[in-house]
N, C-alpha and C. Protein backbone atom coordinates (compact mmCIF):
# COMPACT_ATOMS: atom_id res chain seq x y z
N UNK A 1 15.73 9.88 -34.02
CA UNK A 1 15.39 11.00 -33.14
C UNK A 1 13.87 11.20 -33.06
N UNK A 2 13.23 11.08 -34.23
CA UNK A 2 11.78 11.26 -34.28
C UNK A 2 11.08 10.17 -33.46
N UNK A 3 11.59 8.94 -33.58
CA UNK A 3 11.02 7.83 -32.82
C UNK A 3 11.19 8.05 -31.32
N UNK A 4 12.34 8.59 -30.94
CA UNK A 4 12.61 8.88 -29.53
C UNK A 4 11.63 9.93 -29.01
N UNK A 5 11.35 10.94 -29.81
CA UNK A 5 10.42 12.00 -29.43
C UNK A 5 9.01 11.44 -29.23
N UNK A 6 8.64 10.49 -30.09
CA UNK A 6 7.32 9.87 -29.97
C UNK A 6 7.20 9.07 -28.68
N UNK A 7 8.29 8.38 -28.33
CA UNK A 7 8.29 7.60 -27.08
C UNK A 7 8.18 8.53 -25.88
N UNK A 8 8.91 9.64 -25.91
CA UNK A 8 8.85 10.62 -24.82
C UNK A 8 7.45 11.18 -24.68
N UNK A 9 6.83 11.49 -25.82
CA UNK A 9 5.47 12.04 -25.80
C UNK A 9 4.48 11.03 -25.27
N UNK A 10 4.63 9.77 -25.69
CA UNK A 10 3.71 8.72 -25.28
C UNK A 10 3.80 8.42 -23.79
N UNK A 11 5.03 8.50 -23.25
CA UNK A 11 5.23 8.13 -21.85
C UNK A 11 5.65 9.33 -21.00
N UNK A 12 5.15 10.49 -21.31
CA UNK A 12 5.53 11.67 -20.53
C UNK A 12 5.01 11.61 -19.09
N UNK A 13 4.03 10.74 -18.87
CA UNK A 13 3.52 10.57 -17.51
C UNK A 13 4.53 9.87 -16.60
N UNK A 14 5.66 9.45 -17.17
CA UNK A 14 6.71 8.82 -16.36
C UNK A 14 7.26 9.79 -15.32
N UNK A 15 7.03 11.08 -15.52
CA UNK A 15 7.50 12.07 -14.55
C UNK A 15 6.88 11.82 -13.17
N UNK A 16 5.72 11.17 -13.15
CA UNK A 16 5.06 10.91 -11.87
C UNK A 16 5.84 9.93 -10.99
N UNK A 17 6.69 9.15 -11.60
CA UNK A 17 7.51 8.20 -10.84
C UNK A 17 8.46 8.94 -9.90
N UNK A 18 8.77 10.19 -10.23
CA UNK A 18 9.68 10.98 -9.41
C UNK A 18 9.15 11.23 -8.00
N UNK A 19 7.85 10.99 -7.81
CA UNK A 19 7.27 11.16 -6.47
C UNK A 19 8.04 10.37 -5.42
N UNK A 20 8.52 9.18 -5.81
CA UNK A 20 9.19 8.31 -4.85
C UNK A 20 10.53 8.88 -4.38
N UNK A 21 11.08 9.82 -5.14
CA UNK A 21 12.31 10.49 -4.71
C UNK A 21 12.05 11.39 -3.51
N UNK A 22 10.79 11.77 -3.33
CA UNK A 22 10.40 12.56 -2.16
C UNK A 22 9.85 11.67 -1.05
N UNK A 23 9.04 10.70 -1.46
CA UNK A 23 8.37 9.83 -0.49
C UNK A 23 9.34 8.97 0.31
N UNK A 24 10.22 8.26 -0.38
CA UNK A 24 11.08 7.29 0.30
C UNK A 24 12.02 7.94 1.33
N UNK A 25 12.70 9.04 1.00
CA UNK A 25 13.57 9.65 2.01
C UNK A 25 12.80 10.11 3.24
N UNK A 26 11.61 10.68 3.05
CA UNK A 26 10.86 11.18 4.20
C UNK A 26 10.30 10.02 5.02
N UNK A 27 9.83 8.97 4.35
CA UNK A 27 9.35 7.80 5.07
C UNK A 27 10.47 7.17 5.90
N UNK A 28 11.66 7.08 5.31
CA UNK A 28 12.82 6.53 6.00
C UNK A 28 13.20 7.41 7.19
N UNK A 29 13.14 8.72 6.99
CA UNK A 29 13.44 9.65 8.06
C UNK A 29 12.47 9.46 9.23
N UNK A 30 11.16 9.36 8.93
CA UNK A 30 10.17 9.20 9.99
C UNK A 30 10.39 7.91 10.77
N UNK A 31 10.74 6.83 10.08
CA UNK A 31 10.98 5.56 10.76
C UNK A 31 12.15 5.63 11.73
N UNK A 32 13.04 6.58 11.48
CA UNK A 32 14.18 6.78 12.38
C UNK A 32 13.84 7.79 13.47
N UNK A 33 13.09 8.81 13.08
CA UNK A 33 12.78 9.91 14.00
C UNK A 33 11.68 9.56 15.00
N UNK A 34 10.61 8.91 14.54
CA UNK A 34 9.47 8.63 15.41
C UNK A 34 9.84 7.86 16.68
N UNK A 35 10.72 6.84 16.62
CA UNK A 35 11.08 6.12 17.85
C UNK A 35 11.73 6.99 18.90
N UNK A 36 12.25 8.13 18.52
CA UNK A 36 12.92 9.02 19.47
C UNK A 36 11.96 10.00 20.13
N UNK A 37 10.73 10.06 19.63
CA UNK A 37 9.77 11.04 20.15
C UNK A 37 9.10 10.52 21.42
N UNK A 38 8.67 11.46 22.26
CA UNK A 38 8.07 11.11 23.53
C UNK A 38 6.54 11.09 23.46
N UNK A 39 5.99 11.56 22.34
CA UNK A 39 4.53 11.67 22.22
C UNK A 39 3.95 10.60 21.30
N UNK A 40 4.57 9.44 21.27
CA UNK A 40 4.12 8.36 20.40
C UNK A 40 2.91 7.65 21.01
N UNK A 41 1.87 7.51 20.22
CA UNK A 41 0.65 6.84 20.67
C UNK A 41 0.67 5.37 20.25
N UNK A 42 0.37 4.49 21.19
CA UNK A 42 0.29 3.06 20.88
C UNK A 42 -1.08 2.76 20.30
N UNK A 43 -1.10 2.21 19.09
CA UNK A 43 -2.36 1.85 18.43
C UNK A 43 -2.75 0.44 18.85
N UNK A 44 -3.94 0.34 19.45
CA UNK A 44 -4.35 -0.97 19.98
C UNK A 44 -5.87 -1.02 20.09
N UNK A 45 -6.41 -2.18 19.77
CA UNK A 45 -7.83 -2.46 19.97
C UNK A 45 -7.95 -3.82 20.63
N UNK A 46 -8.98 -3.99 21.43
CA UNK A 46 -9.18 -5.29 22.07
C UNK A 46 -9.42 -6.38 21.03
N UNK A 47 -9.87 -5.98 19.85
CA UNK A 47 -10.05 -6.95 18.77
C UNK A 47 -8.72 -7.60 18.37
N UNK A 48 -7.63 -6.87 18.56
CA UNK A 48 -6.31 -7.41 18.21
C UNK A 48 -6.00 -8.68 18.99
N UNK A 49 -6.53 -8.76 20.21
CA UNK A 49 -6.25 -9.92 21.06
C UNK A 49 -6.92 -11.20 20.53
N UNK A 50 -7.94 -11.03 19.71
CA UNK A 50 -8.67 -12.18 19.18
C UNK A 50 -8.11 -12.65 17.83
N UNK A 51 -7.12 -11.92 17.32
CA UNK A 51 -6.52 -12.29 16.03
C UNK A 51 -5.24 -13.07 16.30
N UNK A 52 -5.21 -14.34 15.93
CA UNK A 52 -4.03 -15.16 16.21
C UNK A 52 -2.87 -14.83 15.27
N UNK A 53 -1.69 -15.18 15.72
CA UNK A 53 -0.52 -15.06 14.85
C UNK A 53 -0.53 -16.25 13.90
N UNK A 54 -0.46 -15.98 12.59
CA UNK A 54 -0.49 -17.05 11.58
C UNK A 54 0.57 -16.74 10.53
N UNK A 55 1.68 -17.44 10.62
CA UNK A 55 2.82 -17.12 9.75
C UNK A 55 2.55 -17.36 8.27
N UNK A 56 1.54 -18.18 7.95
CA UNK A 56 1.23 -18.45 6.54
C UNK A 56 0.88 -17.16 5.79
N UNK A 57 0.38 -16.18 6.51
CA UNK A 57 -0.04 -14.93 5.89
C UNK A 57 1.13 -14.05 5.46
N UNK A 58 2.35 -14.46 5.79
CA UNK A 58 3.49 -13.69 5.31
C UNK A 58 3.60 -13.81 3.79
N UNK A 59 3.03 -14.87 3.23
CA UNK A 59 3.09 -15.06 1.77
C UNK A 59 2.33 -13.96 1.03
N UNK A 60 1.04 -13.73 1.34
CA UNK A 60 0.36 -12.60 0.67
C UNK A 60 0.95 -11.25 1.06
N UNK A 61 1.52 -11.16 2.26
CA UNK A 61 2.14 -9.90 2.66
C UNK A 61 3.26 -9.53 1.70
N UNK A 62 4.10 -10.50 1.36
CA UNK A 62 5.20 -10.23 0.43
C UNK A 62 4.73 -10.15 -1.02
N UNK A 63 3.67 -10.86 -1.35
CA UNK A 63 3.12 -10.77 -2.70
C UNK A 63 2.66 -9.35 -3.01
N UNK A 64 2.34 -8.59 -1.96
CA UNK A 64 1.94 -7.19 -2.12
C UNK A 64 2.91 -6.42 -3.00
N UNK A 65 4.20 -6.65 -2.84
CA UNK A 65 5.19 -5.91 -3.61
C UNK A 65 5.06 -6.20 -5.11
N UNK A 66 4.80 -7.46 -5.44
CA UNK A 66 4.61 -7.84 -6.84
C UNK A 66 3.28 -7.30 -7.36
N UNK A 67 2.26 -7.39 -6.55
CA UNK A 67 0.91 -6.92 -6.91
C UNK A 67 0.91 -5.43 -7.26
N UNK A 68 1.51 -4.64 -6.39
CA UNK A 68 1.56 -3.19 -6.62
C UNK A 68 2.43 -2.87 -7.83
N UNK A 69 3.60 -3.47 -7.91
CA UNK A 69 4.52 -3.19 -9.01
C UNK A 69 3.92 -3.60 -10.36
N UNK A 70 3.30 -4.79 -10.42
CA UNK A 70 2.74 -5.28 -11.67
C UNK A 70 1.60 -4.39 -12.15
N UNK A 71 0.71 -4.01 -11.23
CA UNK A 71 -0.40 -3.14 -11.60
C UNK A 71 0.07 -1.76 -12.02
N UNK A 72 1.04 -1.25 -11.31
CA UNK A 72 1.60 0.07 -11.59
C UNK A 72 2.23 0.09 -13.00
N UNK A 73 3.02 -0.91 -13.31
CA UNK A 73 3.68 -0.98 -14.62
C UNK A 73 2.67 -1.21 -15.73
N UNK A 74 1.69 -2.09 -15.49
CA UNK A 74 0.68 -2.38 -16.51
C UNK A 74 -0.08 -1.11 -16.89
N UNK A 75 -0.55 -0.36 -15.91
CA UNK A 75 -1.31 0.85 -16.20
C UNK A 75 -0.43 1.93 -16.82
N UNK A 76 0.82 1.98 -16.39
CA UNK A 76 1.75 2.93 -16.97
C UNK A 76 1.92 2.69 -18.47
N UNK A 77 1.98 1.43 -18.86
CA UNK A 77 2.23 1.08 -20.26
C UNK A 77 0.97 1.11 -21.12
N UNK A 78 -0.19 0.95 -20.51
CA UNK A 78 -1.41 0.78 -21.31
C UNK A 78 -2.34 1.98 -21.34
N UNK A 79 -2.35 2.81 -20.30
CA UNK A 79 -3.30 3.92 -20.26
C UNK A 79 -2.78 5.06 -19.39
N UNK A 80 -2.50 6.16 -20.04
CA UNK A 80 -2.02 7.32 -19.28
C UNK A 80 -3.08 7.81 -18.31
N UNK A 81 -4.33 7.84 -18.76
CA UNK A 81 -5.40 8.32 -17.89
C UNK A 81 -5.55 7.45 -16.65
N UNK A 82 -5.61 6.14 -16.85
CA UNK A 82 -5.78 5.24 -15.71
C UNK A 82 -4.57 5.26 -14.79
N UNK A 83 -3.39 5.43 -15.36
CA UNK A 83 -2.18 5.52 -14.54
C UNK A 83 -2.20 6.79 -13.69
N UNK A 84 -2.59 7.89 -14.30
CA UNK A 84 -2.64 9.16 -13.57
C UNK A 84 -3.65 9.08 -12.43
N UNK A 85 -4.80 8.49 -12.70
CA UNK A 85 -5.82 8.36 -11.65
C UNK A 85 -5.33 7.46 -10.51
N UNK A 86 -4.63 6.37 -10.88
CA UNK A 86 -4.04 5.52 -9.84
C UNK A 86 -3.05 6.31 -9.00
N UNK A 87 -2.23 7.11 -9.65
CA UNK A 87 -1.24 7.91 -8.92
C UNK A 87 -1.90 8.94 -8.02
N UNK A 88 -3.00 9.52 -8.47
CA UNK A 88 -3.72 10.48 -7.63
C UNK A 88 -4.15 9.79 -6.34
N UNK A 89 -4.69 8.57 -6.48
CA UNK A 89 -5.12 7.81 -5.30
C UNK A 89 -3.92 7.45 -4.41
N UNK A 90 -2.93 6.78 -4.99
CA UNK A 90 -1.81 6.28 -4.19
C UNK A 90 -0.99 7.40 -3.60
N UNK A 91 -0.62 8.37 -4.41
CA UNK A 91 0.28 9.42 -3.95
C UNK A 91 -0.38 10.32 -2.92
N UNK A 92 -1.66 10.65 -3.15
CA UNK A 92 -2.36 11.47 -2.16
C UNK A 92 -2.49 10.70 -0.85
N UNK A 93 -2.84 9.42 -0.95
CA UNK A 93 -2.98 8.60 0.25
C UNK A 93 -1.67 8.45 1.01
N UNK A 94 -0.60 8.18 0.29
CA UNK A 94 0.70 8.00 0.93
C UNK A 94 1.18 9.30 1.57
N UNK A 95 0.92 10.42 0.90
CA UNK A 95 1.32 11.71 1.45
C UNK A 95 0.53 12.03 2.72
N UNK A 96 -0.78 11.75 2.69
CA UNK A 96 -1.61 11.98 3.87
C UNK A 96 -1.15 11.11 5.04
N UNK A 97 -0.76 9.87 4.73
CA UNK A 97 -0.26 8.98 5.78
C UNK A 97 1.01 9.55 6.41
N UNK A 98 1.91 10.07 5.58
CA UNK A 98 3.14 10.66 6.10
C UNK A 98 2.83 11.87 6.98
N UNK A 99 1.85 12.66 6.58
CA UNK A 99 1.46 13.82 7.37
C UNK A 99 0.87 13.38 8.71
N UNK A 100 0.05 12.33 8.66
CA UNK A 100 -0.52 11.80 9.91
C UNK A 100 0.58 11.28 10.83
N UNK A 101 1.53 10.55 10.27
CA UNK A 101 2.64 10.04 11.07
C UNK A 101 3.45 11.18 11.69
N UNK A 102 3.53 12.30 10.98
CA UNK A 102 4.33 13.43 11.46
C UNK A 102 3.65 14.14 12.63
N UNK A 103 2.34 14.40 12.50
CA UNK A 103 1.62 15.15 13.54
C UNK A 103 1.03 14.22 14.60
N UNK A 104 0.89 12.94 14.27
CA UNK A 104 0.34 11.96 15.20
C UNK A 104 1.24 10.73 15.20
N UNK A 105 2.43 10.83 15.78
CA UNK A 105 3.36 9.70 15.79
C UNK A 105 2.73 8.50 16.50
N UNK A 106 2.86 7.35 15.91
CA UNK A 106 2.18 6.19 16.48
C UNK A 106 3.01 4.92 16.27
N UNK A 107 2.64 3.89 16.99
CA UNK A 107 3.33 2.61 16.90
C UNK A 107 2.38 1.50 17.34
N UNK A 108 2.81 0.27 17.18
CA UNK A 108 2.05 -0.86 17.71
C UNK A 108 2.99 -1.77 18.49
N UNK A 109 2.42 -2.48 19.45
CA UNK A 109 3.21 -3.36 20.32
C UNK A 109 2.65 -4.78 20.30
N UNK A 110 2.33 -5.24 19.10
CA UNK A 110 1.66 -6.53 18.95
C UNK A 110 2.58 -7.66 18.49
N UNK A 111 3.81 -7.35 18.22
CA UNK A 111 4.70 -8.35 17.65
C UNK A 111 4.92 -9.52 18.59
N UNK A 112 5.07 -10.68 17.99
CA UNK A 112 5.19 -11.93 18.74
C UNK A 112 6.57 -12.09 19.37
N UNK A 113 6.60 -12.67 20.54
CA UNK A 113 7.87 -13.05 21.17
C UNK A 113 8.24 -14.42 20.60
N UNK A 114 9.14 -14.43 19.67
CA UNK A 114 9.47 -15.66 18.95
C UNK A 114 10.18 -16.68 19.82
N UNK A 115 10.78 -16.22 20.89
CA UNK A 115 11.49 -17.14 21.79
C UNK A 115 10.51 -18.02 22.56
N UNK A 116 9.31 -17.51 22.81
CA UNK A 116 8.31 -18.28 23.56
C UNK A 116 7.18 -18.79 22.68
N UNK A 117 7.29 -18.58 21.37
CA UNK A 117 6.23 -18.99 20.45
C UNK A 117 6.06 -20.51 20.43
N UNK A 118 7.17 -21.21 20.55
CA UNK A 118 7.09 -22.66 20.61
C UNK A 118 7.22 -23.36 19.28
N UNK A 119 7.50 -22.62 18.24
CA UNK A 119 7.70 -23.24 16.92
C UNK A 119 8.56 -22.32 16.07
N UNK A 120 9.15 -22.91 15.05
CA UNK A 120 9.96 -22.12 14.13
C UNK A 120 9.95 -22.80 12.76
N UNK A 121 9.88 -21.99 11.72
CA UNK A 121 9.90 -22.51 10.35
C UNK A 121 10.34 -21.39 9.42
N UNK A 122 10.40 -21.68 8.14
CA UNK A 122 10.91 -20.72 7.18
C UNK A 122 10.04 -19.48 7.07
N UNK A 123 8.73 -19.65 7.28
CA UNK A 123 7.82 -18.51 7.22
C UNK A 123 8.02 -17.58 8.41
N UNK A 124 8.22 -18.17 9.58
CA UNK A 124 8.49 -17.37 10.78
C UNK A 124 9.82 -16.64 10.63
N UNK A 125 10.79 -17.30 10.06
CA UNK A 125 12.09 -16.65 9.83
C UNK A 125 11.94 -15.48 8.87
N UNK A 126 11.07 -15.65 7.88
CA UNK A 126 10.83 -14.56 6.93
C UNK A 126 10.21 -13.35 7.64
N UNK A 127 9.29 -13.61 8.57
CA UNK A 127 8.66 -12.52 9.33
C UNK A 127 9.68 -11.85 10.24
N UNK A 128 10.52 -12.65 10.89
CA UNK A 128 11.55 -12.08 11.76
C UNK A 128 12.52 -11.21 10.96
N UNK A 129 12.86 -11.64 9.77
CA UNK A 129 13.75 -10.85 8.91
C UNK A 129 13.08 -9.54 8.51
N UNK A 130 11.81 -9.64 8.15
CA UNK A 130 11.04 -8.44 7.79
C UNK A 130 11.01 -7.45 8.95
N UNK A 131 10.69 -7.94 10.12
CA UNK A 131 10.53 -7.06 11.27
C UNK A 131 11.85 -6.53 11.81
N UNK A 132 12.95 -7.16 11.41
CA UNK A 132 14.25 -6.67 11.83
C UNK A 132 14.63 -5.37 11.10
N UNK A 133 14.01 -5.15 9.93
CA UNK A 133 14.31 -3.93 9.16
C UNK A 133 13.11 -2.99 9.07
N UNK A 134 11.94 -3.48 9.48
CA UNK A 134 10.72 -2.67 9.42
C UNK A 134 10.26 -2.38 10.84
N UNK A 135 10.40 -1.15 11.26
CA UNK A 135 10.06 -0.79 12.63
C UNK A 135 8.55 -0.85 12.86
N UNK A 136 8.12 -1.01 14.12
CA UNK A 136 6.68 -1.03 14.43
C UNK A 136 6.11 0.37 14.59
N UNK A 137 6.76 1.36 14.02
CA UNK A 137 6.31 2.75 14.11
C UNK A 137 5.67 3.20 12.80
N UNK A 138 4.87 4.27 12.89
CA UNK A 138 4.21 4.85 11.71
C UNK A 138 3.35 3.80 11.02
N UNK A 139 2.31 3.37 11.73
CA UNK A 139 1.47 2.27 11.24
C UNK A 139 0.02 2.66 10.99
N UNK A 140 -0.41 3.78 11.50
CA UNK A 140 -1.82 4.19 11.43
C UNK A 140 -1.96 5.46 10.60
N UNK A 141 -2.58 5.36 9.41
CA UNK A 141 -3.21 4.20 8.75
C UNK A 141 -2.16 3.31 8.10
N UNK A 142 -2.58 2.12 7.68
CA UNK A 142 -1.68 1.19 7.03
C UNK A 142 -1.54 1.51 5.54
N UNK A 143 -0.34 1.89 5.13
CA UNK A 143 -0.09 2.15 3.71
C UNK A 143 -0.18 0.84 2.93
N UNK A 144 0.21 -0.25 3.53
CA UNK A 144 0.13 -1.57 2.90
C UNK A 144 -1.31 -1.85 2.47
N UNK A 145 -2.24 -1.61 3.38
CA UNK A 145 -3.66 -1.85 3.09
C UNK A 145 -4.20 -0.80 2.12
N UNK A 146 -3.86 0.44 2.36
CA UNK A 146 -4.38 1.52 1.52
C UNK A 146 -3.98 1.34 0.06
N UNK A 147 -2.75 1.00 -0.20
CA UNK A 147 -2.29 0.81 -1.57
C UNK A 147 -2.91 -0.42 -2.22
N UNK A 148 -3.18 -1.44 -1.42
CA UNK A 148 -3.85 -2.63 -1.96
C UNK A 148 -5.26 -2.29 -2.41
N UNK A 149 -5.96 -1.51 -1.60
CA UNK A 149 -7.31 -1.08 -1.98
C UNK A 149 -7.25 -0.22 -3.24
N UNK A 150 -6.31 0.71 -3.28
CA UNK A 150 -6.17 1.58 -4.44
C UNK A 150 -5.87 0.81 -5.71
N UNK A 151 -5.01 -0.20 -5.61
CA UNK A 151 -4.67 -0.99 -6.79
C UNK A 151 -5.85 -1.81 -7.27
N UNK A 152 -6.60 -2.38 -6.34
CA UNK A 152 -7.77 -3.16 -6.76
C UNK A 152 -8.80 -2.26 -7.45
N UNK A 153 -9.01 -1.08 -6.91
CA UNK A 153 -9.95 -0.16 -7.55
C UNK A 153 -9.49 0.17 -8.96
N UNK A 154 -8.20 0.40 -9.13
CA UNK A 154 -7.65 0.72 -10.45
C UNK A 154 -7.86 -0.42 -11.44
N UNK A 155 -7.72 -1.65 -10.96
CA UNK A 155 -7.92 -2.81 -11.82
C UNK A 155 -9.39 -2.94 -12.21
N UNK A 156 -10.27 -2.74 -11.25
CA UNK A 156 -11.71 -2.80 -11.53
C UNK A 156 -12.12 -1.72 -12.53
N UNK A 157 -11.56 -0.54 -12.40
CA UNK A 157 -11.93 0.59 -13.25
C UNK A 157 -11.25 0.55 -14.62
N UNK A 158 -10.26 -0.28 -14.79
CA UNK A 158 -9.47 -0.29 -16.02
C UNK A 158 -10.28 -0.78 -17.22
N UNK A 159 -10.16 -0.05 -18.30
CA UNK A 159 -10.78 -0.45 -19.57
C UNK A 159 -9.82 -1.25 -20.43
N UNK A 160 -8.60 -1.43 -19.96
CA UNK A 160 -7.58 -2.12 -20.74
C UNK A 160 -7.52 -3.62 -20.45
N UNK A 161 -8.26 -4.04 -19.43
CA UNK A 161 -8.30 -5.46 -19.11
C UNK A 161 -9.55 -6.05 -19.76
N UNK A 162 -9.38 -6.74 -20.83
CA UNK A 162 -10.50 -7.33 -21.56
C UNK A 162 -10.47 -8.87 -21.49
N UNK A 163 -9.32 -9.44 -21.83
CA UNK A 163 -9.19 -10.89 -21.82
C UNK A 163 -9.15 -11.40 -20.39
N UNK A 164 -10.01 -12.36 -20.09
CA UNK A 164 -10.09 -12.97 -18.76
C UNK A 164 -10.38 -11.92 -17.69
N UNK A 165 -11.21 -10.93 -18.01
CA UNK A 165 -11.46 -9.82 -17.09
C UNK A 165 -12.02 -10.30 -15.74
N UNK A 166 -13.01 -11.17 -15.77
CA UNK A 166 -13.63 -11.62 -14.51
C UNK A 166 -12.62 -12.34 -13.62
N UNK A 167 -11.79 -13.17 -14.24
CA UNK A 167 -10.79 -13.90 -13.47
C UNK A 167 -9.79 -12.93 -12.84
N UNK A 168 -9.35 -11.94 -13.62
CA UNK A 168 -8.36 -10.97 -13.13
C UNK A 168 -8.95 -10.12 -12.00
N UNK A 169 -10.17 -9.64 -12.20
CA UNK A 169 -10.79 -8.77 -11.19
C UNK A 169 -11.03 -9.54 -9.89
N UNK A 170 -11.56 -10.75 -9.99
CA UNK A 170 -11.83 -11.52 -8.78
C UNK A 170 -10.55 -12.00 -8.11
N UNK A 171 -9.54 -12.29 -8.90
CA UNK A 171 -8.23 -12.67 -8.33
C UNK A 171 -7.63 -11.48 -7.58
N UNK A 172 -7.78 -10.29 -8.17
CA UNK A 172 -7.30 -9.08 -7.52
C UNK A 172 -8.03 -8.84 -6.21
N UNK A 173 -9.34 -9.05 -6.22
CA UNK A 173 -10.14 -8.85 -5.00
C UNK A 173 -9.69 -9.81 -3.90
N UNK A 174 -9.52 -11.08 -4.27
CA UNK A 174 -9.07 -12.07 -3.29
C UNK A 174 -7.69 -11.73 -2.75
N UNK A 175 -6.80 -11.31 -3.64
CA UNK A 175 -5.45 -10.96 -3.20
C UNK A 175 -5.47 -9.75 -2.29
N UNK A 176 -6.30 -8.75 -2.63
CA UNK A 176 -6.43 -7.56 -1.77
C UNK A 176 -6.87 -7.96 -0.36
N UNK A 177 -7.88 -8.82 -0.28
CA UNK A 177 -8.38 -9.27 1.02
C UNK A 177 -7.30 -10.01 1.80
N UNK A 178 -6.59 -10.90 1.12
CA UNK A 178 -5.53 -11.67 1.79
C UNK A 178 -4.41 -10.76 2.28
N UNK A 179 -4.07 -9.76 1.48
CA UNK A 179 -3.01 -8.82 1.88
C UNK A 179 -3.44 -8.03 3.11
N UNK A 180 -4.69 -7.57 3.10
CA UNK A 180 -5.19 -6.82 4.25
C UNK A 180 -5.19 -7.70 5.50
N UNK A 181 -5.66 -8.93 5.35
CA UNK A 181 -5.65 -9.85 6.49
C UNK A 181 -4.23 -10.14 6.96
N UNK A 182 -3.32 -10.22 6.02
CA UNK A 182 -1.94 -10.56 6.38
C UNK A 182 -1.33 -9.55 7.34
N UNK A 183 -1.70 -8.30 7.20
CA UNK A 183 -1.09 -7.26 8.03
C UNK A 183 -1.39 -7.44 9.51
N UNK A 184 -2.57 -8.03 9.80
CA UNK A 184 -2.92 -8.24 11.21
C UNK A 184 -2.55 -9.65 11.69
N UNK A 185 -2.55 -10.63 10.78
CA UNK A 185 -2.23 -12.00 11.19
C UNK A 185 -0.74 -12.23 11.41
N UNK A 186 0.11 -11.40 10.80
CA UNK A 186 1.55 -11.54 11.12
C UNK A 186 1.98 -10.43 12.08
N UNK A 187 0.98 -9.71 12.62
CA UNK A 187 1.19 -8.71 13.66
C UNK A 187 2.06 -7.53 13.20
N UNK A 188 1.88 -7.14 11.96
CA UNK A 188 2.51 -5.93 11.46
C UNK A 188 1.67 -4.70 11.77
N UNK A 189 0.37 -4.91 11.94
CA UNK A 189 -0.56 -3.81 12.17
C UNK A 189 -1.65 -4.20 13.15
N UNK A 190 -2.22 -3.18 13.77
CA UNK A 190 -3.44 -3.34 14.55
C UNK A 190 -4.63 -3.29 13.59
N UNK A 191 -5.73 -3.85 14.01
CA UNK A 191 -6.95 -3.80 13.20
C UNK A 191 -7.38 -2.35 12.97
N UNK A 192 -7.01 -1.47 13.90
CA UNK A 192 -7.35 -0.05 13.75
C UNK A 192 -6.63 0.57 12.56
N UNK A 193 -5.42 0.11 12.27
CA UNK A 193 -4.68 0.59 11.11
C UNK A 193 -5.41 0.23 9.82
N UNK A 194 -6.01 -0.96 9.82
CA UNK A 194 -6.78 -1.41 8.66
C UNK A 194 -8.04 -0.58 8.49
N UNK A 195 -8.77 -0.38 9.60
CA UNK A 195 -9.99 0.42 9.53
C UNK A 195 -9.69 1.84 9.03
N UNK A 196 -8.58 2.40 9.49
CA UNK A 196 -8.21 3.76 9.07
C UNK A 196 -7.90 3.80 7.58
N UNK A 197 -7.23 2.77 7.08
CA UNK A 197 -6.91 2.71 5.65
C UNK A 197 -8.18 2.60 4.81
N UNK A 198 -9.13 1.78 5.26
CA UNK A 198 -10.40 1.63 4.54
C UNK A 198 -11.16 2.95 4.53
N UNK A 199 -11.20 3.62 5.68
CA UNK A 199 -11.90 4.91 5.76
C UNK A 199 -11.26 5.95 4.85
N UNK A 200 -9.93 5.98 4.81
CA UNK A 200 -9.22 6.94 3.99
C UNK A 200 -9.41 6.67 2.51
N UNK A 201 -9.62 5.41 2.15
CA UNK A 201 -9.77 5.06 0.74
C UNK A 201 -11.05 5.62 0.13
N UNK A 202 -12.04 5.92 0.95
CA UNK A 202 -13.32 6.43 0.43
C UNK A 202 -13.17 7.80 -0.20
N UNK A 203 -12.67 8.82 0.53
CA UNK A 203 -12.47 10.12 -0.12
C UNK A 203 -11.44 10.08 -1.23
N UNK A 204 -10.45 9.21 -1.11
CA UNK A 204 -9.44 9.09 -2.16
C UNK A 204 -10.05 8.57 -3.46
N UNK A 205 -11.01 7.67 -3.34
CA UNK A 205 -11.70 7.17 -4.53
C UNK A 205 -12.41 8.30 -5.26
N UNK A 206 -13.15 9.10 -4.52
CA UNK A 206 -13.88 10.20 -5.15
C UNK A 206 -12.93 11.25 -5.73
N UNK A 207 -11.81 11.46 -5.07
CA UNK A 207 -10.82 12.40 -5.57
C UNK A 207 -10.19 11.92 -6.87
N UNK A 208 -9.89 10.63 -6.93
CA UNK A 208 -9.16 10.09 -8.08
C UNK A 208 -10.05 9.74 -9.27
N UNK A 209 -11.27 9.30 -9.01
CA UNK A 209 -12.06 8.72 -10.09
C UNK A 209 -13.33 9.48 -10.46
N UNK A 210 -13.78 10.42 -9.67
CA UNK A 210 -15.01 11.12 -9.99
C UNK A 210 -14.82 12.38 -10.84
N UNK A 211 -13.78 13.18 -10.60
CA UNK A 211 -13.61 14.40 -11.41
C UNK A 211 -13.39 14.07 -12.89
N UNK A 212 -14.06 14.79 -13.76
CA UNK A 212 -13.85 14.63 -15.21
C UNK A 212 -12.93 15.74 -15.69
N UNK A 213 -11.66 15.57 -15.34
CA UNK A 213 -10.68 16.58 -15.68
C UNK A 213 -10.32 16.52 -17.16
N UNK A 214 -10.27 17.67 -17.78
CA UNK A 214 -10.06 17.74 -19.22
C UNK A 214 -8.75 17.10 -19.64
N UNK A 215 -7.68 17.34 -18.89
CA UNK A 215 -6.37 16.82 -19.29
C UNK A 215 -6.33 15.29 -19.18
N UNK A 216 -7.21 14.70 -18.31
CA UNK A 216 -7.26 13.27 -18.21
C UNK A 216 -8.12 12.66 -19.33
N UNK A 217 -9.14 13.38 -19.73
CA UNK A 217 -10.02 12.89 -20.79
C UNK A 217 -9.27 12.80 -22.11
N UNK A 218 -8.26 13.60 -22.28
CA UNK A 218 -7.51 13.62 -23.53
C UNK A 218 -6.26 12.77 -23.47
N UNK A 219 -6.01 12.14 -22.32
CA UNK A 219 -4.81 11.32 -22.16
C UNK A 219 -5.07 9.92 -22.71
N UNK A 220 -4.47 9.58 -23.78
CA UNK A 220 -4.61 8.26 -24.37
C UNK A 220 -3.26 7.75 -24.79
């Protein structure tokens, strides 16, 4: 019993995981509700026309799920303070995105016509499967990009990564860039969605990492 109490005390920050019980239902609701609205804005930039469709980028797009999960679990297990700061960044950003989607419903119309594409392969099939369950609505800003930026910042700021630190940090940076590029090269997002995510990450960084909150300073 005593050992169990120690584990509970050590990992009491696990309560933050409950955020997803609120986030996922509302995100799912918006993806169903937004297509029915009449005030949906199409997100588009002329720069989008210069970005070719490249199915190879579906690989880093899917690696995003492993990247976010691995970083999230690592920080959860190694540093309560760093995990809490990551959650402040991610959760605030994701919540703001949901609020933007609610008051500013948006979509993109950049997806490829696969019937006239002229080629087919396993990577294209993977994209078609993804897009069959992921609607082109609620895209601005891109949560995919925003969370990638947040995770890379958390890795750079982490004091728990000592062994092979340079390799890990630079690998994270490269992966973040590839993930961001993937969102526009497989036509999941407009370049404007990326720019919005980058802009939003700036205040989120200061919110998550600059305050010297007492309860975080004592979290070890």
